[in-house]
Amino acid sequence: MKLIISLILIVSMQSCMSQENKKETSKSTFKITKTNSEWKQQLTAKEYYVLRESGTERAFSSPLNNNKSEGTYVCVACKTPLFKSEHKFDSGTGWPSFDREISGNVSFSSDGNEYIGIEEHCATCGGHLGHIFNDGPKDTTGKRHCINGVALEFIPN
């Protein structure tokens, strides 16, 4: 019995370590990389929590949720254009939602927990943006990019 428990622990530890190594590898592939201390100097505490620690802002807390102006939503950390206003819709969830991203500017990853959706990152700096779900508008893409407003900056046309 002790042998079985020991084997389970060893396999679990190796699995966790390989997952951690995968995360590090993917982080190092972004065009813009900075140390945690550099990000902390550049970002507000809330931005750092969401973008660098994969946090989630409180629902209905972002003024961008109700923004109806025409323009582009960019990454607050590196200014990469991520979403266009014409693809924004009111999902009723409390976070800015889009039915599509600007192709090539958003990257996706999954930790296997599809309940919380596929994680989205800025493809330039790796900042966590939010999650994508398959419950968006059926007349367009069927996708809902549920994005933390604090991860975005709006640039009007």
C-alpha atoms as a PDB file:
ATOM      1  CA  MET A   1       0.000   0.000   0.000  1.00  0.00           C
ATOM      2  CA  LYS A   2       2.832   2.409   0.878  1.00  0.00           C
ATOM      3  CA  LEU A   3       4.464   1.583  -2.454  1.00  0.00           C
ATOM      4  CA  ILE A   4       1.284   2.444  -4.367  1.00  0.00           C
ATOM      5  CA  ILE A   5       0.879   5.741  -2.514  1.00  0.00           C
ATOM      6  CA  SER A   6       4.534   6.574  -3.155  1.00  0.00           C
ATOM      7  CA  LEU A   7       4.152   5.849  -6.869  1.00  0.00           C
ATOM      8  CA  ILE A   8       1.032   8.012  -7.081  1.00  0.00           C
ATOM      9  CA  LEU A   9       2.851  10.889  -5.386  1.00  0.00           C
ATOM     10  CA  ILE A  10       5.854  10.595  -7.712  1.00  0.00           C
ATOM     11  CA  VAL A  11       3.671  10.533 -10.827  1.00  0.00           C
ATOM     12  CA  SER A  12       1.646  13.512  -9.544  1.00  0.00           C
ATOM     13  CA  MET A  13       4.780  15.521  -8.817  1.00  0.00           C
ATOM     14  CA  GLN A  14       6.227  14.780 -12.264  1.00  0.00           C
ATOM     15  CA  SER A  15       2.952  15.777 -13.898  1.00  0.00           C
ATOM     16  CA  CYS A  16       2.858  19.075 -11.994  1.00  0.00           C
ATOM     17  CA  MET A  17       6.497  19.755 -12.776  1.00  0.00           C
ATOM     18  CA  SER A  18       5.993  19.084 -16.487  1.00  0.00           C
ATOM     19  CA  GLN A  19       2.931  21.368 -16.516  1.00  0.00           C
ATOM     20  CA  GLU A  20       4.965  24.102 -14.843  1.00  0.00           C
ATOM     21  CA  ASN A  21       7.740  23.663 -17.405  1.00  0.00           C
ATOM     22  CA  LYS A  22       5.184  23.968 -20.220  1.00  0.00           C
ATOM     23  CA  LYS A  23       3.884  27.211 -18.728  1.00  0.00           C
ATOM     24  CA  GLU A  24       7.396  28.647 -18.508  1.00  0.00           C
ATOM     25  CA  THR A  25       8.161  27.632 -22.079  1.00  0.00           C
ATOM     26  CA  SER A  26       5.026  29.318 -23.409  1.00  0.00           C
ATOM     27  CA  LYS A  27       5.714  32.499 -21.422  1.00  0.00           C
ATOM     28  CA  SER A  28       9.181  32.817 -22.907  1.00  0.00           C
ATOM     29  CA  THR A  29       7.819  32.727 -26.473  1.00  0.00           C
ATOM     30  CA  PHE A  30       6.152  36.144 -26.312  1.00  0.00           C
ATOM     31  CA  LYS A  31       7.721  39.095 -28.169  1.00  0.00           C
ATOM     32  CA  ILE A  32       7.619  41.284 -25.054  1.00  0.00           C
ATOM     33  CA  THR A  33       8.952  39.725 -21.871  1.00  0.00           C
ATOM     34  CA  LYS A  34       9.641  41.482 -18.602  1.00  0.00           C
ATOM     35  CA  THR A  35      10.430  40.447 -15.070  1.00  0.00           C
ATOM     36  CA  ASN A  36       7.655  40.443 -12.470  1.00  0.00           C
ATOM     37  CA  SER A  37       9.234  43.513 -10.924  1.00  0.00           C
ATOM     38  CA  GLU A  38       9.203  45.364 -14.262  1.00  0.00           C
ATOM     39  CA  TRP A  39       5.530  44.466 -14.802  1.00  0.00           C
ATOM     40  CA  LYS A  40       4.705  45.617 -11.254  1.00  0.00           C
ATOM     41  CA  GLN A  41       6.295  49.004 -11.983  1.00  0.00           C
ATOM     42  CA  GLN A  42       4.344  49.402 -15.235  1.00  0.00           C
ATOM     43  CA  LEU A  43       0.916  48.083 -14.231  1.00  0.00           C
ATOM     44  CA  THR A  44      -1.539  48.999 -11.496  1.00  0.00           C
ATOM     45  CA  ALA A  45      -2.106  46.380  -8.791  1.00  0.00           C
ATOM     46  CA  LYS A  46      -5.413  45.305 -10.388  1.00  0.00           C
ATOM     47  CA  GLU A  47      -3.876  45.133 -13.891  1.00  0.00           C
ATOM     48  CA  TYR A  48      -0.981  43.063 -12.560  1.00  0.00           C
ATOM     49  CA  TYR A  49      -3.370  40.691 -10.767  1.00  0.00           C
ATOM     50  CA  VAL A  50      -5.369  40.048 -13.952  1.00  0.00           C
ATOM     51  CA  LEU A  51      -2.645  40.166 -16.610  1.00  0.00           C
ATOM     52  CA  ARG A  52       0.259  38.502 -14.811  1.00  0.00           C
ATOM     53  CA  GLU A  53      -1.491  36.320 -12.186  1.00  0.00           C
ATOM     54  CA  SER A  54      -4.479  35.238 -14.331  1.00  0.00           C
ATOM     55  CA  GLY A  55      -6.909  36.919 -11.972  1.00  0.00           C
ATOM     56  CA  THR A  56     -10.465  38.010 -12.716  1.00  0.00           C
ATOM     57  CA  GLU A  57     -11.932  41.419 -12.007  1.00  0.00           C
ATOM     58  CA  ARG A  58     -15.316  41.705 -10.308  1.00  0.00           C
ATOM     59  CA  ALA A  59     -18.257  41.415 -12.733  1.00  0.00           C
ATOM     60  CA  PHE A  60     -19.818  44.738 -13.824  1.00  0.00           C
ATOM     61  CA  SER A  61     -16.822  46.683 -12.440  1.00  0.00           C
ATOM     62  CA  SER A  62     -15.334  47.808 -15.773  1.00  0.00           C
ATOM     63  CA  PRO A  63     -16.612  50.942 -17.508  1.00  0.00           C
ATOM     64  CA  LEU A  64     -15.666  49.226 -20.802  1.00  0.00           C
ATOM     65  CA  ASN A  65     -18.479  46.737 -20.259  1.00  0.00           C
ATOM     66  CA  ASN A  66     -21.015  49.407 -21.308  1.00  0.00           C
ATOM     67  CA  ASN A  67     -18.811  51.189 -23.849  1.00  0.00           C
ATOM     68  CA  LYS A  68     -20.649  51.515 -27.170  1.00  0.00           C
ATOM     69  CA  SER A  69     -18.181  53.821 -28.961  1.00  0.00           C
ATOM     70  CA  GLU A  70     -16.437  52.817 -32.179  1.00  0.00           C
ATOM     71  CA  GLY A  71     -12.787  51.947 -31.906  1.00  0.00           C
ATOM     72  CA  THR A  72     -10.266  49.282 -30.976  1.00  0.00           C
ATOM     73  CA  TYR A  73      -9.584  47.535 -27.691  1.00  0.00           C
ATOM     74  CA  VAL A  74      -5.844  47.097 -27.104  1.00  0.00           C
ATOM     75  CA  CYS A  75      -3.790  45.309 -24.456  1.00  0.00           C
ATOM     76  CA  VAL A  76      -3.263  47.733 -21.580  1.00  0.00           C
ATOM     77  CA  ALA A  77       0.278  46.374 -21.071  1.00  0.00           C
ATOM     78  CA  CYS A  78       1.703  46.511 -24.604  1.00  0.00           C
ATOM     79  CA  LYS A  79      -0.936  48.274 -26.763  1.00  0.00           C
ATOM     80  CA  THR A  80      -1.433  45.329 -29.146  1.00  0.00           C
ATOM     81  CA  PRO A  81      -4.841  45.643 -30.885  1.00  0.00           C
ATOM     82  CA  LEU A  82      -6.998  42.753 -29.634  1.00  0.00           C
ATOM     83  CA  PHE A  83     -10.689  43.385 -30.409  1.00  0.00           C
ATOM     84  CA  LYS A  84     -12.733  45.732 -32.618  1.00  0.00           C
ATOM     85  CA  SER A  85     -15.821  47.514 -31.317  1.00  0.00           C
ATOM     86  CA  GLU A  86     -17.965  46.120 -34.140  1.00  0.00           C
ATOM     87  CA  HIS A  87     -17.433  42.632 -32.672  1.00  0.00           C
ATOM     88  CA  LYS A  88     -18.459  43.619 -29.133  1.00  0.00           C
ATOM     89  CA  PHE A  89     -21.842  42.518 -27.775  1.00  0.00           C
ATOM     90  CA  ASP A  90     -23.717  42.625 -24.481  1.00  0.00           C
ATOM     91  CA  SER A  91     -23.497  39.106 -23.062  1.00  0.00           C
ATOM     92  CA  GLY A  92     -25.098  40.082 -19.756  1.00  0.00           C
ATOM     93  CA  THR A  93     -22.194  38.463 -17.889  1.00  0.00           C
ATOM     94  CA  GLY A  94     -20.647  41.666 -16.531  1.00  0.00           C
ATOM     95  CA  TRP A  95     -17.468  41.602 -18.619  1.00  0.00           C
ATOM     96  CA  PRO A  96     -16.752  43.089 -22.049  1.00  0.00           C
ATOM     97  CA  SER A  97     -17.587  40.364 -24.584  1.00  0.00           C
ATOM     98  CA  PHE A  98     -16.618  39.953 -28.224  1.00  0.00           C
ATOM     99  CA  ASP A  99     -17.552  37.351 -30.832  1.00  0.00           C
ATOM    100  CA  ARG A 100     -14.076  37.363 -32.410  1.00  0.00           C
ATOM    101  CA  GLU A 101     -10.533  38.583 -31.815  1.00  0.00           C
ATOM    102  CA  ILE A 102      -8.166  40.376 -34.170  1.00  0.00           C
ATOM    103  CA  SER A 103      -6.566  37.384 -35.845  1.00  0.00           C
ATOM    104  CA  GLY A 104      -3.036  36.602 -34.691  1.00  0.00           C
ATOM    105  CA  ASN A 105      -3.071  39.017 -31.739  1.00  0.00           C
ATOM    106  CA  VAL A 106      -4.649  36.701 -29.162  1.00  0.00           C
ATOM    107  CA  SER A 107      -3.257  33.328 -28.088  1.00  0.00           C
ATOM    108  CA  PHE A 108      -5.142  30.525 -26.367  1.00  0.00           C
ATOM    109  CA  SER A 109      -4.268  27.899 -23.782  1.00  0.00           C
ATOM    110  CA  SER A 110      -6.156  25.305 -21.813  1.00  0.00           C
ATOM    111  CA  ASP A 111      -5.513  23.754 -18.440  1.00  0.00           C
ATOM    112  CA  GLY A 112      -8.046  21.032 -19.234  1.00  0.00           C
ATOM    113  CA  ASN A 113     -10.859  22.661 -17.232  1.00  0.00           C
ATOM    114  CA  GLU A 114     -13.257  23.594 -20.041  1.00  0.00           C
ATOM    115  CA  TYR A 115     -15.863  24.670 -17.466  1.00  0.00           C
ATOM    116  CA  ILE A 116     -14.036  27.979 -17.083  1.00  0.00           C
ATOM    117  CA  GLY A 117     -13.346  28.197 -20.814  1.00  0.00           C
ATOM    118  CA  ILE A 118     -10.155  28.332 -22.833  1.00  0.00           C
ATOM    119  CA  GLU A 119      -7.779  30.951 -21.432  1.00  0.00           C
ATOM    120  CA  GLU A 120      -6.912  33.917 -23.663  1.00  0.00           C
ATOM    121  CA  HIS A 121      -3.654  35.862 -23.640  1.00  0.00           C
ATOM    122  CA  CYS A 122      -2.212  38.801 -25.506  1.00  0.00           C
ATOM    123  CA  ALA A 123      -0.046  37.154 -28.191  1.00  0.00           C
ATOM    124  CA  THR A 124       2.575  39.909 -27.820  1.00  0.00           C
ATOM    125  CA  CYS A 125       3.187  40.088 -24.050  1.00  0.00           C
ATOM    126  CA  GLY A 126       1.387  37.003 -22.732  1.00  0.00           C
ATOM    127  CA  GLY A 127      -0.948  38.994 -20.483  1.00  0.00           C
ATOM    128  CA  HIS A 128      -4.034  37.053 -19.333  1.00  0.00           C
ATOM    129  CA  LEU A 129      -7.149  38.595 -20.879  1.00  0.00           C
ATOM    130  CA  GLY A 130     -10.004  36.266 -19.959  1.00  0.00           C
ATOM    131  CA  HIS A 131     -11.640  33.163 -21.448  1.00  0.00           C
ATOM    132  CA  ILE A 132     -13.459  32.050 -24.584  1.00  0.00           C
ATOM    133  CA  PHE A 133     -16.727  30.100 -24.518  1.00  0.00           C
ATOM    134  CA  ASN A 134     -18.995  28.533 -27.146  1.00  0.00           C
ATOM    135  CA  ASP A 135     -22.134  30.397 -26.063  1.00  0.00           C
ATOM    136  CA  GLY A 136     -21.773  33.559 -28.141  1.00  0.00           C
ATOM    137  CA  PRO A 137     -24.074  34.933 -30.854  1.00  0.00           C
ATOM    138  CA  LYS A 138     -25.194  32.078 -33.122  1.00  0.00           C
ATOM    139  CA  ASP A 139     -25.643  34.433 -36.090  1.00  0.00           C
ATOM    140  CA  THR A 140     -21.908  35.255 -36.142  1.00  0.00           C
ATOM    141  CA  THR A 141     -19.181  33.008 -34.693  1.00  0.00           C
ATOM    142  CA  GLY A 142     -20.970  31.367 -31.757  1.00  0.00           C
ATOM    143  CA  LYS A 143     -17.990  32.419 -29.607  1.00  0.00           C
ATOM    144  CA  ARG A 144     -17.941  34.622 -26.510  1.00  0.00           C
ATOM    145  CA  HIS A 145     -14.598  36.142 -25.639  1.00  0.00           C
ATOM    146  CA  CYS A 146     -15.221  37.109 -22.002  1.00  0.00           C
ATOM    147  CA  ILE A 147     -12.513  39.686 -21.302  1.00  0.00           C
ATOM    148  CA  ASN A 148     -11.433  41.514 -18.151  1.00  0.00           C
ATOM    149  CA  GLY A 149     -11.921  45.217 -18.816  1.00  0.00           C
ATOM    150  CA  VAL A 150      -8.860  46.061 -16.728  1.00  0.00           C
ATOM    151  CA  ALA A 151      -6.735  44.161 -19.304  1.00  0.00           C
ATOM    152  CA  LEU A 152      -7.972  46.477 -22.059  1.00  0.00           C
ATOM    153  CA  GLU A 153      -7.531  50.062 -23.125  1.00  0.00           C
ATOM    154  CA  PHE A 154     -10.052  51.529 -25.565  1.00  0.00           C
ATOM    155  CA  ILE A 155      -8.748  53.608 -28.483  1.00  0.00           C
ATOM    156  CA  PRO A 156     -11.623  55.488 -30.177  1.00  0.00           C
ATOM    157  CA  ASN A 157     -11.692  55.826 -33.986  1.00  0.00           C
END
